[in-house]
Amino acid sequence: MTPGAGTAETASLTSESRPWGGFFRWQLDALRARRRNPRPDVRFGIVPHALARPRASPGELRVTWVGHATVLLQTADANL
């Protein structure tokens, strides 16, 4: 039998020499659990957009505050 085998000194050396052992064991257990109980296949439907492109009437200027320091300027010809 090797000296120190089975003693508290050997156990503490083992845990100190592999500080990531608990982390890897935790990840491996999680991986095994996912393989046993895979998530159901979730599919999301595609919804066509119903977004109209707003335009200002000729001679009209629309100003829309978008956020913080951003505004949208709309004229009959362009969105700036």
PDB file of N, CA and C in Angstrom:
ATOM      1  N   MET A   1       0.853  -1.173   0.000  1.00  0.00           N
ATOM      2  CA  MET A   1       0.000   0.000   0.000  1.00  0.00           C
ATOM      3  C   MET A   1       0.896   1.231   0.000  1.00  0.00           C
ATOM      4  N   THR A   2       0.530   2.263  -0.735  1.00  0.00           N
ATOM      5  CA  THR A   2       1.348   3.469  -0.796  1.00  0.00           C
ATOM      6  C   THR A   2       1.146   4.302   0.450  1.00  0.00           C
ATOM      7  N   PRO A   3       2.169   5.018   0.847  1.00  0.00           N
ATOM      8  CA  PRO A   3       2.044   5.844   2.048  1.00  0.00           C
ATOM      9  C   PRO A   3       0.992   6.925   1.844  1.00  0.00           C
ATOM     10  N   GLY A   4       0.175   7.106   2.826  1.00  0.00           N
ATOM     11  CA  GLY A   4      -0.837   8.153   2.795  1.00  0.00           C
ATOM     12  C   GLY A   4      -2.086   7.772   2.029  1.00  0.00           C
ATOM     13  N   ALA A   5      -2.161   6.574   1.471  1.00  0.00           N
ATOM     14  CA  ALA A   5      -3.342   6.171   0.700  1.00  0.00           C
ATOM     15  C   ALA A   5      -4.532   6.018   1.637  1.00  0.00           C
ATOM     16  N   GLY A   6      -5.645   6.608   1.256  1.00  0.00           N
ATOM     17  CA  GLY A   6      -6.852   6.486   2.046  1.00  0.00           C
ATOM     18  C   GLY A   6      -6.925   7.457   3.211  1.00  0.00           C
ATOM     19  N   THR A   7      -5.980   8.341   3.348  1.00  0.00           N
ATOM     20  CA  THR A   7      -6.011   9.283   4.459  1.00  0.00           C
ATOM     21  C   THR A   7      -6.631  10.595   4.000  1.00  0.00           C
ATOM     22  N   ALA A   8      -6.941  11.440   4.939  1.00  0.00           N
ATOM     23  CA  ALA A   8      -7.512  12.753   4.638  1.00  0.00           C
ATOM     24  C   ALA A   8      -6.518  13.602   3.858  1.00  0.00           C
ATOM     25  N   GLU A   9      -5.224  13.395   4.094  1.00  0.00           N
ATOM     26  CA  GLU A   9      -4.206  14.158   3.385  1.00  0.00           C
ATOM     27  C   GLU A   9      -4.263  13.866   1.883  1.00  0.00           C
ATOM     28  N   THR A  10      -4.441  12.615   1.507  1.00  0.00           N
ATOM     29  CA  THR A  10      -4.523  12.240   0.097  1.00  0.00           C
ATOM     30  C   THR A  10      -5.778  12.831  -0.542  1.00  0.00           C
ATOM     31  N   ALA A  11      -6.892  12.805   0.159  1.00  0.00           N
ATOM     32  CA  ALA A  11      -8.148  13.340  -0.379  1.00  0.00           C
ATOM     33  C   ALA A  11      -8.032  14.834  -0.636  1.00  0.00           C
ATOM     34  N   SER A  12      -7.383  15.559   0.268  1.00  0.00           N
ATOM     35  CA  SER A  12      -7.261  17.000   0.072  1.00  0.00           C
ATOM     36  C   SER A  12      -6.324  17.319  -1.086  1.00  0.00           C
ATOM     37  N   LEU A  13      -5.281  16.508  -1.280  1.00  0.00           N
ATOM     38  CA  LEU A  13      -4.384  16.733  -2.400  1.00  0.00           C
ATOM     39  C   LEU A  13      -5.101  16.489  -3.726  1.00  0.00           C
ATOM     40  N   THR A  14      -5.956  15.486  -3.753  1.00  0.00           N
ATOM     41  CA  THR A  14      -6.683  15.173  -4.980  1.00  0.00           C
ATOM     42  C   THR A  14      -7.634  16.309  -5.338  1.00  0.00           C
ATOM     43  N   SER A  15      -8.359  16.843  -4.379  1.00  0.00           N
ATOM     44  CA  SER A  15      -9.312  17.911  -4.679  1.00  0.00           C
ATOM     45  C   SER A  15      -8.588  19.204  -5.045  1.00  0.00           C
ATOM     46  N   GLU A  16      -7.417  19.442  -4.476  1.00  0.00           N
ATOM     47  CA  GLU A  16      -6.668  20.650  -4.820  1.00  0.00           C
ATOM     48  C   GLU A  16      -5.987  20.524  -6.169  1.00  0.00           C
ATOM     49  N   SER A  17      -5.594  19.307  -6.557  1.00  0.00           N
ATOM     50  CA  SER A  17      -4.900  19.147  -7.822  1.00  0.00           C
ATOM     51  C   SER A  17      -5.859  19.205  -9.011  1.00  0.00           C
ATOM     52  N   ARG A  18      -7.158  19.047  -8.774  1.00  0.00           N
ATOM     53  CA  ARG A  18      -8.141  19.133  -9.849  1.00  0.00           C
ATOM     54  C   ARG A  18      -9.268  20.085  -9.451  1.00  0.00           C
ATOM     55  N   PRO A  19      -8.999  21.395  -9.446  1.00  0.00           N
ATOM     56  CA  PRO A  19     -10.024  22.334  -8.987  1.00  0.00           C
ATOM     57  C   PRO A  19     -11.203  22.431  -9.943  1.00  0.00           C
ATOM     58  N   TRP A  20     -11.032  22.065 -11.199  1.00  0.00           N
ATOM     59  CA  TRP A  20     -12.118  22.160 -12.184  1.00  0.00           C
ATOM     60  C   TRP A  20     -12.935  20.873 -12.259  1.00  0.00           C
ATOM     61  N   GLY A  21     -12.561  19.876 -11.491  1.00  0.00           N
ATOM     62  CA  GLY A  21     -13.253  18.591 -11.560  1.00  0.00           C
ATOM     63  C   GLY A  21     -14.742  18.699 -11.295  1.00  0.00           C
ATOM     64  N   GLY A  22     -15.127  19.479 -10.294  1.00  0.00           N
ATOM     65  CA  GLY A  22     -16.544  19.648  -9.979  1.00  0.00           C
ATOM     66  C   GLY A  22     -17.304  20.344 -11.086  1.00  0.00           C
ATOM     67  N   PHE A  23     -16.665  21.328 -11.704  1.00  0.00           N
ATOM     68  CA  PHE A  23     -17.302  22.049 -12.804  1.00  0.00           C
ATOM     69  C   PHE A  23     -17.541  21.120 -13.982  1.00  0.00           C
ATOM     70  N   PHE A  24     -16.524  20.360 -14.373  1.00  0.00           N
ATOM     71  CA  PHE A  24     -16.668  19.461 -15.512  1.00  0.00           C
ATOM     72  C   PHE A  24     -17.676  18.352 -15.233  1.00  0.00           C
ATOM     73  N   ARG A  25     -17.701  17.874 -14.010  1.00  0.00           N
ATOM     74  CA  ARG A  25     -18.675  16.852 -13.644  1.00  0.00           C
ATOM     75  C   ARG A  25     -20.093  17.414 -13.765  1.00  0.00           C
ATOM     76  N   TRP A  26     -20.288  18.661 -13.320  1.00  0.00           N
ATOM     77  CA  TRP A  26     -21.587  19.313 -13.404  1.00  0.00           C
ATOM     78  C   TRP A  26     -22.018  19.461 -14.865  1.00  0.00           C
ATOM     79  N   GLN A  27     -21.102  19.875 -15.729  1.00  0.00           N
ATOM     80  CA  GLN A  27     -21.421  20.026 -17.152  1.00  0.00           C
ATOM     81  C   GLN A  27     -21.712  18.674 -17.810  1.00  0.00           C
ATOM     82  N   LEU A  28     -20.943  17.662 -17.456  1.00  0.00           N
ATOM     83  CA  LEU A  28     -21.160  16.337 -18.011  1.00  0.00           C
ATOM     84  C   LEU A  28     -22.512  15.785 -17.585  1.00  0.00           C
ATOM     85  N   ASP A  29     -22.888  15.985 -16.334  1.00  0.00           N
ATOM     86  CA  ASP A  29     -24.196  15.544 -15.861  1.00  0.00           C
ATOM     87  C   ASP A  29     -25.320  16.261 -16.608  1.00  0.00           C
ATOM     88  N   ALA A  30     -25.148  17.557 -16.867  1.00  0.00           N
ATOM     89  CA  ALA A  30     -26.163  18.315 -17.603  1.00  0.00           C
ATOM     90  C   ALA A  30     -26.275  17.805 -19.038  1.00  0.00           C
ATOM     91  N   LEU A  31     -25.149  17.491 -19.668  1.00  0.00           N
ATOM     92  CA  LEU A  31     -25.156  16.965 -21.029  1.00  0.00           C
ATOM     93  C   LEU A  31     -25.868  15.620 -21.083  1.00  0.00           C
ATOM     94  N   ARG A  32     -25.583  14.774 -20.131  1.00  0.00           N
ATOM     95  CA  ARG A  32     -26.243  13.461 -20.083  1.00  0.00           C
ATOM     96  C   ARG A  32     -27.746  13.614 -19.887  1.00  0.00           C
ATOM     97  N   ALA A  33     -28.159  14.554 -19.045  1.00  0.00           N
ATOM     98  CA  ALA A  33     -29.587  14.780 -18.809  1.00  0.00           C
ATOM     99  C   ALA A  33     -30.277  15.270 -20.075  1.00  0.00           C
ATOM    100  N   ARG A  34     -29.610  16.143 -20.847  1.00  0.00           N
ATOM    101  CA  ARG A  34     -30.204  16.625 -22.099  1.00  0.00           C
ATOM    102  C   ARG A  34     -30.349  15.496 -23.106  1.00  0.00           C
ATOM    103  N   ARG A  35     -29.401  14.588 -23.119  1.00  0.00           N
ATOM    104  CA  ARG A  35     -29.497  13.461 -24.065  1.00  0.00           C
ATOM    105  C   ARG A  35     -30.627  12.525 -23.678  1.00  0.00           C
ATOM    106  N   ARG A  36     -30.857  12.359 -22.376  1.00  0.00           N
ATOM    107  CA  ARG A  36     -31.950  11.492 -21.926  1.00  0.00           C
ATOM    108  C   ARG A  36     -33.302  12.133 -22.179  1.00  0.00           C
ATOM    109  N   ASN A  37     -33.406  13.439 -21.961  1.00  0.00           N
ATOM    110  CA  ASN A  37     -34.664  14.162 -22.106  1.00  0.00           C
ATOM    111  C   ASN A  37     -34.482  15.335 -23.060  1.00  0.00           C
ATOM    112  N   PRO A  38     -34.418  15.069 -24.352  1.00  0.00           N
ATOM    113  CA  PRO A  38     -34.219  16.188 -25.279  1.00  0.00           C
ATOM    114  C   PRO A  38     -35.433  17.101 -25.304  1.00  0.00           C
ATOM    115  N   ARG A  39     -35.181  18.349 -25.591  1.00  0.00           N
ATOM    116  CA  ARG A  39     -36.278  19.311 -25.689  1.00  0.00           C
ATOM    117  C   ARG A  39     -37.133  18.980 -26.903  1.00  0.00           C
ATOM    118  N   PRO A  40     -38.425  19.251 -26.813  1.00  0.00           N
ATOM    119  CA  PRO A  40     -39.269  19.010 -27.989  1.00  0.00           C
ATOM    120  C   PRO A  40     -38.866  19.950 -29.114  1.00  0.00           C
ATOM    121  N   ASP A  41     -39.067  19.503 -30.327  1.00  0.00           N
ATOM    122  CA  ASP A  41     -38.726  20.308 -31.495  1.00  0.00           C
ATOM    123  C   ASP A  41     -39.723  21.463 -31.585  1.00  0.00           C
ATOM    124  N   VAL A  42     -39.244  22.657 -31.395  1.00  0.00           N
ATOM    125  CA  VAL A  42     -40.096  23.838 -31.412  1.00  0.00           C
ATOM    126  C   VAL A  42     -39.900  24.550 -32.735  1.00  0.00           C
ATOM    127  N   ARG A  43     -40.976  24.813 -33.410  1.00  0.00           N
ATOM    128  CA  ARG A  43     -40.915  25.533 -34.685  1.00  0.00           C
ATOM    129  C   ARG A  43     -41.811  26.759 -34.580  1.00  0.00           C
ATOM    130  N   PHE A  44     -41.316  27.848 -35.084  1.00  0.00           N
ATOM    131  CA  PHE A  44     -42.064  29.086 -35.080  1.00  0.00           C
ATOM    132  C   PHE A  44     -42.581  29.352 -36.482  1.00  0.00           C
ATOM    133  N   GLY A  45     -43.822  29.784 -36.568  1.00  0.00           N
ATOM    134  CA  GLY A  45     -44.405  30.091 -37.863  1.00  0.00           C
ATOM    135  C   GLY A  45     -43.899  31.416 -38.403  1.00  0.00           C
ATOM    136  N   ILE A  46     -43.975  31.563 -39.706  1.00  0.00           N
ATOM    137  CA  ILE A  46     -43.566  32.801 -40.358  1.00  0.00           C
ATOM    138  C   ILE A  46     -44.819  33.632 -40.598  1.00  0.00           C
ATOM    139  N   VAL A  47     -44.789  34.831 -40.113  1.00  0.00           N
ATOM    140  CA  VAL A  47     -45.930  35.727 -40.238  1.00  0.00           C
ATOM    141  C   VAL A  47     -45.563  36.817 -41.238  1.00  0.00           C
ATOM    142  N   PRO A  48     -46.352  36.985 -42.293  1.00  0.00           N
ATOM    143  CA  PRO A  48     -46.037  38.055 -43.246  1.00  0.00           C
ATOM    144  C   PRO A  48     -46.237  39.415 -42.583  1.00  0.00           C
ATOM    145  N   HIS A  49     -45.366  40.324 -42.892  1.00  0.00           N
ATOM    146  CA  HIS A  49     -45.470  41.636 -42.272  1.00  0.00           C
ATOM    147  C   HIS A  49     -46.605  42.429 -42.912  1.00  0.00           C
ATOM    148  N   ALA A  50     -47.203  43.258 -42.118  1.00  0.00           N
ATOM    149  CA  ALA A  50     -48.290  44.112 -42.587  1.00  0.00           C
ATOM    150  C   ALA A  50     -47.872  45.566 -42.387  1.00  0.00           C
ATOM    151  N   LEU A  51     -46.638  45.840 -42.708  1.00  0.00           N
ATOM    152  CA  LEU A  51     -46.079  47.155 -42.471  1.00  0.00           C
ATOM    153  C   LEU A  51     -46.219  48.004 -43.731  1.00  0.00           C
ATOM    154  N   ALA A  52     -46.883  49.107 -43.601  1.00  0.00           N
ATOM    155  CA  ALA A  52     -47.018  50.019 -44.733  1.00  0.00           C
ATOM    156  C   ALA A  52     -45.878  51.015 -44.696  1.00  0.00           C
ATOM    157  N   ARG A  53     -45.480  51.498 -45.828  1.00  0.00           N
ATOM    158  CA  ARG A  53     -44.438  52.514 -45.883  1.00  0.00           C
ATOM    159  C   ARG A  53     -45.115  53.879 -45.873  1.00  0.00           C
ATOM    160  N   PRO A  54     -45.108  54.504 -44.746  1.00  0.00           N
ATOM    161  CA  PRO A  54     -45.792  55.796 -44.672  1.00  0.00           C
ATOM    162  C   PRO A  54     -45.048  56.861 -45.477  1.00  0.00           C
ATOM    163  N   ARG A  55     -45.787  57.650 -46.146  1.00  0.00           N
ATOM    164  CA  ARG A  55     -45.242  58.770 -46.916  1.00  0.00           C
ATOM    165  C   ARG A  55     -46.041  60.007 -46.564  1.00  0.00           C
ATOM    166  N   ALA A  56     -45.353  61.092 -46.521  1.00  0.00           N
ATOM    167  CA  ALA A  56     -46.025  62.368 -46.307  1.00  0.00           C
ATOM    168  C   ALA A  56     -46.662  62.804 -47.629  1.00  0.00           C
ATOM    169  N   SER A  57     -47.748  63.478 -47.519  1.00  0.00           N
ATOM    170  CA  SER A  57     -48.405  64.013 -48.720  1.00  0.00           C
ATOM    171  C   SER A  57     -47.524  65.094 -49.329  1.00  0.00           C
ATOM    172  N   PRO A  58     -47.673  65.371 -50.635  1.00  0.00           N
ATOM    173  CA  PRO A  58     -46.886  66.452 -51.246  1.00  0.00           C
ATOM    174  C   PRO A  58     -47.096  67.762 -50.491  1.00  0.00           C
ATOM    175  N   GLY A  59     -45.992  68.440 -50.187  1.00  0.00           N
ATOM    176  CA  GLY A  59     -46.050  69.697 -49.456  1.00  0.00           C
ATOM    177  C   GLY A  59     -46.130  69.516 -47.946  1.00  0.00           C
ATOM    178  N   GLU A  60     -46.115  68.294 -47.470  1.00  0.00           N
ATOM    179  CA  GLU A  60     -46.224  68.010 -46.037  1.00  0.00           C
ATOM    180  C   GLU A  60     -44.878  67.501 -45.524  1.00  0.00           C
ATOM    181  N   LEU A  61     -44.543  67.838 -44.295  1.00  0.00           N
ATOM    182  CA  LEU A  61     -43.334  67.348 -43.629  1.00  0.00           C
ATOM    183  C   LEU A  61     -43.775  66.642 -42.352  1.00  0.00           C
ATOM    184  N   ARG A  62     -43.379  65.383 -42.200  1.00  0.00           N
ATOM    185  CA  ARG A  62     -43.684  64.628 -40.980  1.00  0.00           C
ATOM    186  C   ARG A  62     -42.385  64.439 -40.203  1.00  0.00           C
ATOM    187  N   VAL A  63     -42.463  64.658 -38.921  1.00  0.00           N
ATOM    188  CA  VAL A  63     -41.313  64.467 -38.036  1.00  0.00           C
ATOM    189  C   VAL A  63     -41.733  63.468 -36.969  1.00  0.00           C
ATOM    190  N   THR A  64     -40.982  62.364 -36.876  1.00  0.00           N
ATOM    191  CA  THR A  64     -41.277  61.325 -35.892  1.00  0.00           C
ATOM    192  C   THR A  64     -40.063  61.150 -34.991  1.00  0.00           C
ATOM    193  N   TRP A  65     -40.296  61.246 -33.692  1.00  0.00           N
ATOM    194  CA  TRP A  65     -39.220  61.024 -32.737  1.00  0.00           C
ATOM    195  C   TRP A  65     -39.083  59.521 -32.556  1.00  0.00           C
ATOM    196  N   VAL A  66     -37.883  58.971 -32.869  1.00  0.00           N
ATOM    197  CA  VAL A  66     -37.640  57.534 -32.789  1.00  0.00           C
ATOM    198  C   VAL A  66     -37.125  57.163 -31.405  1.00  0.00           C
ATOM    199  N   GLY A  67     -36.213  57.917 -30.894  1.00  0.00           N
ATOM    200  CA  GLY A  67     -35.668  57.626 -29.576  1.00  0.00           C
ATOM    201  C   GLY A  67     -34.461  58.491 -29.300  1.00  0.00           C
ATOM    202  N   HIS A  68     -34.171  58.695 -28.050  1.00  0.00           N
ATOM    203  CA  HIS A  68     -33.070  59.491 -27.528  1.00  0.00           C
ATOM    204  C   HIS A  68     -32.749  60.700 -28.409  1.00  0.00           C
ATOM    205  N   ALA A  69     -31.877  60.573 -29.371  1.00  0.00           N
ATOM    206  CA  ALA A  69     -31.489  61.706 -30.212  1.00  0.00           C
ATOM    207  C   ALA A  69     -31.707  61.385 -31.683  1.00  0.00           C
ATOM    208  N   THR A  70     -32.748  60.612 -31.982  1.00  0.00           N
ATOM    209  CA  THR A  70     -32.992  60.187 -33.352  1.00  0.00           C
ATOM    210  C   THR A  70     -34.389  60.608 -33.787  1.00  0.00           C
ATOM    211  N   VAL A  71     -34.459  61.210 -34.938  1.00  0.00           N
ATOM    212  CA  VAL A  71     -35.757  61.585 -35.508  1.00  0.00           C
ATOM    213  C   VAL A  71     -35.830  61.092 -36.956  1.00  0.00           C
ATOM    214  N   LEU A  72     -37.047  60.893 -37.436  1.00  0.00           N
ATOM    215  CA  LEU A  72     -37.294  60.509 -38.810  1.00  0.00           C
ATOM    216  C   LEU A  72     -38.024  61.662 -39.473  1.00  0.00           C
ATOM    217  N   LEU A  73     -37.437  62.199 -40.540  1.00  0.00           N
ATOM    218  CA  LEU A  73     -38.056  63.269 -41.309  1.00  0.00           C
ATOM    219  C   LEU A  73     -38.607  62.651 -42.581  1.00  0.00           C
ATOM    220  N   GLN A  74     -39.898  62.901 -42.851  1.00  0.00           N
ATOM    221  CA  GLN A  74     -40.523  62.339 -44.036  1.00  0.00           C
ATOM    222  C   GLN A  74     -41.091  63.455 -44.905  1.00  0.00           C
ATOM    223  N   THR A  75     -40.780  63.333 -46.169  1.00  0.00           N
ATOM    224  CA  THR A  75     -41.378  64.227 -47.165  1.00  0.00           C
ATOM    225  C   THR A  75     -42.055  63.322 -48.194  1.00  0.00           C
ATOM    226  N   ALA A  76     -42.656  63.906 -49.196  1.00  0.00           N
ATOM    227  CA  ALA A  76     -43.317  63.111 -50.231  1.00  0.00           C
ATOM    228  C   ALA A  76     -42.309  62.288 -51.008  1.00  0.00           C
ATOM    229  N   ASP A  77     -41.067  62.737 -51.086  1.00  0.00           N
ATOM    230  CA  ASP A  77     -40.057  62.068 -51.902  1.00  0.00           C
ATOM    231  C   ASP A  77     -39.065  61.206 -51.127  1.00  0.00           C
ATOM    232  N   ALA A  78     -38.844  61.489 -49.864  1.00  0.00           N
ATOM    233  CA  ALA A  78     -37.754  60.798 -49.157  1.00  0.00           C
ATOM    234  C   ALA A  78     -38.022  60.682 -47.662  1.00  0.00           C
ATOM    235  N   ASN A  79     -37.409  59.664 -47.082  1.00  0.00           N
ATOM    236  CA  ASN A  79     -37.379  59.484 -45.631  1.00  0.00           C
ATOM    237  C   ASN A  79     -35.930  59.724 -45.199  1.00  0.00           C
ATOM    238  N   LEU A  80     -35.755  60.662 -44.292  1.00  0.00           N
ATOM    239  CA  LEU A  80     -34.400  60.986 -43.811  1.00  0.00           C
ATOM    240  C   LEU A  80     -34.301  60.713 -42.327  1.00  0.00           C
TER     241      LEU A  80
END
